[in-house]
């Protein structure tokens, strides 16, 4: 895991975050280092083989897609492809965020999520 930890951090966090919040990056790097190598490799293979776009049209619940504008691993175009297929989905792009937008922009991520949840109809109401 040590051989890939720095590359993973580059995919998870944009350069400005890595420079400005080295302690947070170090925390996530330590999590990667503690990951089981076989499990990590298996996850990578599973993700590479995922083909879910055609199934997204079956989603029938309110859906919020949150994308990081600086995410190189799952770029905004991937989120847009999801948005096009999920009926009545909504998307928010966080400008100063990469793959782990919840870690890079926790307050904004929380605000966006709370606003989405607050707009949902009460249970039992259309």
Protein backbone atom coordinates (compact mmCIF):
# COMPACT_ATOMS: atom_id res chain seq x y z
CA UNK A 1 0.00 0.00 0.00
CA UNK A 2 2.95 2.31 0.62
CA UNK A 3 3.81 2.14 -3.08
CA UNK A 4 0.48 3.72 -4.06
CA UNK A 5 -0.45 5.85 -1.02
CA UNK A 6 0.84 9.14 -2.44
CA UNK A 7 -0.85 8.56 -5.79
CA UNK A 8 -4.12 7.78 -4.02
CA UNK A 9 -3.86 11.05 -2.07
CA UNK A 10 -3.36 12.91 -5.36
CA UNK A 11 -6.61 11.39 -6.64
CA UNK A 12 -8.51 11.97 -3.40
CA UNK A 13 -7.43 15.59 -2.77
CA UNK A 14 -6.56 18.52 -5.03
CA UNK A 15 -3.13 20.15 -4.78
CA UNK A 16 -4.36 23.18 -2.81
CA UNK A 17 -5.96 20.99 -0.16
CA UNK A 18 -2.90 18.76 0.08
CA UNK A 19 -0.69 21.83 0.58
CA UNK A 20 -3.02 23.60 2.99
CA UNK A 21 -4.22 20.65 5.09
CA UNK A 22 -1.30 18.21 5.30
CA UNK A 23 -2.55 16.80 8.61
CA UNK A 24 -5.88 15.75 7.06
CA UNK A 25 -4.11 14.22 4.08
CA UNK A 26 -1.76 12.37 6.46
CA UNK A 27 -4.79 10.97 8.28
CA UNK A 28 -6.32 9.58 5.09
CA UNK A 29 -2.93 8.36 3.90
CA UNK A 30 -2.60 6.38 7.15
CA UNK A 31 -6.00 4.80 6.44
CA UNK A 32 -4.82 3.72 3.01
CA UNK A 33 -1.61 2.31 4.50
CA UNK A 34 -3.66 0.22 6.93
CA UNK A 35 -5.88 -1.14 4.16
CA UNK A 36 -5.66 -4.79 3.30
CA UNK A 37 -3.76 -5.02 0.02
CA UNK A 38 -5.81 -7.90 -1.39
CA UNK A 39 -9.04 -6.18 -0.44
CA UNK A 40 -7.92 -2.93 -2.05
CA UNK A 41 -6.92 -4.69 -5.28
CA UNK A 42 -10.23 -6.59 -5.33
CA UNK A 43 -12.12 -3.32 -4.87
CA UNK A 44 -10.21 -1.73 -7.75
CA UNK A 45 -11.07 -4.66 -10.02
CA UNK A 46 -14.72 -4.53 -8.96
CA UNK A 47 -14.96 -0.79 -9.61
CA UNK A 48 -13.29 -1.14 -13.00
CA UNK A 49 -15.93 -3.66 -14.03
CA UNK A 50 -18.96 -1.70 -12.81
CA UNK A 51 -21.49 -1.01 -15.53
CA UNK A 52 -24.46 0.63 -13.84
CA UNK A 53 -25.47 3.46 -16.13
CA UNK A 54 -28.29 1.54 -17.82
CA UNK A 55 -29.81 0.67 -14.43
CA UNK A 56 -29.93 4.23 -13.08
CA UNK A 57 -33.25 4.98 -14.79
CA UNK A 58 -34.86 2.52 -12.36
CA UNK A 59 -34.16 4.76 -9.36
CA UNK A 60 -37.46 6.13 -8.10
CA UNK A 61 -36.45 8.12 -5.04
CA UNK A 62 -35.15 11.67 -4.74
CA UNK A 63 -31.48 11.63 -5.62
CA UNK A 64 -28.70 14.11 -5.05
CA UNK A 65 -25.47 13.69 -6.98
CA UNK A 66 -22.57 15.58 -5.41
CA UNK A 67 -19.48 16.03 -7.57
CA UNK A 68 -16.12 17.61 -6.93
CA UNK A 69 -15.10 19.97 -9.73
CA UNK A 70 -11.46 18.94 -9.28
CA UNK A 71 -12.06 15.18 -9.09
CA UNK A 72 -9.78 13.44 -11.57
CA UNK A 73 -10.91 9.93 -10.61
CA UNK A 74 -14.61 10.49 -11.17
CA UNK A 75 -14.85 13.72 -13.14
CA UNK A 76 -17.96 15.87 -13.29
CA UNK A 77 -18.83 14.28 -16.66
CA UNK A 78 -19.42 10.97 -14.85
CA UNK A 79 -21.80 12.68 -12.44
CA UNK A 80 -23.55 14.36 -15.37
CA UNK A 81 -24.02 10.93 -16.98
CA UNK A 82 -25.69 9.76 -13.77
CA UNK A 83 -27.84 12.89 -13.62
CA UNK A 84 -29.08 12.33 -17.18
CA UNK A 85 -30.27 8.83 -16.31
CA UNK A 86 -31.80 9.22 -12.83
CA UNK A 87 -35.33 10.64 -13.07
CA UNK A 88 -35.62 14.00 -11.35
CA UNK A 89 -32.13 13.81 -9.89
CA UNK A 90 -30.37 16.94 -8.79
CA UNK A 91 -26.64 17.65 -8.98
CA UNK A 92 -24.38 20.00 -7.09
CA UNK A 93 -20.75 20.54 -8.06
CA UNK A 94 -18.44 21.65 -5.27
CA UNK A 95 -15.81 23.92 -6.84
CA UNK A 96 -12.93 23.43 -4.42
CA UNK A 97 -13.30 19.70 -4.02
CA UNK A 98 -11.96 16.51 -5.50
CA UNK A 99 -12.90 12.88 -4.87
CA UNK A 100 -13.35 13.18 -1.11
CA UNK A 101 -15.43 16.34 -1.22
CA UNK A 102 -16.92 15.57 2.18
CA UNK A 103 -13.40 15.78 3.68
CA UNK A 104 -12.26 18.78 1.64
CA UNK A 105 -15.44 20.84 2.01
CA UNK A 106 -17.26 19.39 5.05
CA UNK A 107 -19.32 22.48 5.88
CA UNK A 108 -20.44 23.04 2.29
CA UNK A 109 -21.08 19.33 1.75
CA UNK A 110 -23.22 19.26 4.90
CA UNK A 111 -25.11 22.39 3.85
CA UNK A 112 -25.88 20.98 0.41
CA UNK A 113 -27.02 17.69 1.90
CA UNK A 114 -29.18 19.36 4.55
CA UNK A 115 -30.84 21.58 1.95
CA UNK A 116 -31.59 18.54 -0.19
CA UNK A 117 -33.03 16.61 2.76
CA UNK A 118 -35.08 19.60 3.95
CA UNK A 119 -36.71 19.87 0.52
CA UNK A 120 -37.89 16.26 0.58
CA UNK A 121 -41.60 15.69 1.21
CA UNK A 122 -42.54 14.45 4.64
CA UNK A 123 -43.01 10.67 4.88
CA UNK A 124 -46.40 9.65 3.54
CA UNK A 125 -46.81 12.86 1.52
CA UNK A 126 -46.24 13.14 -2.23
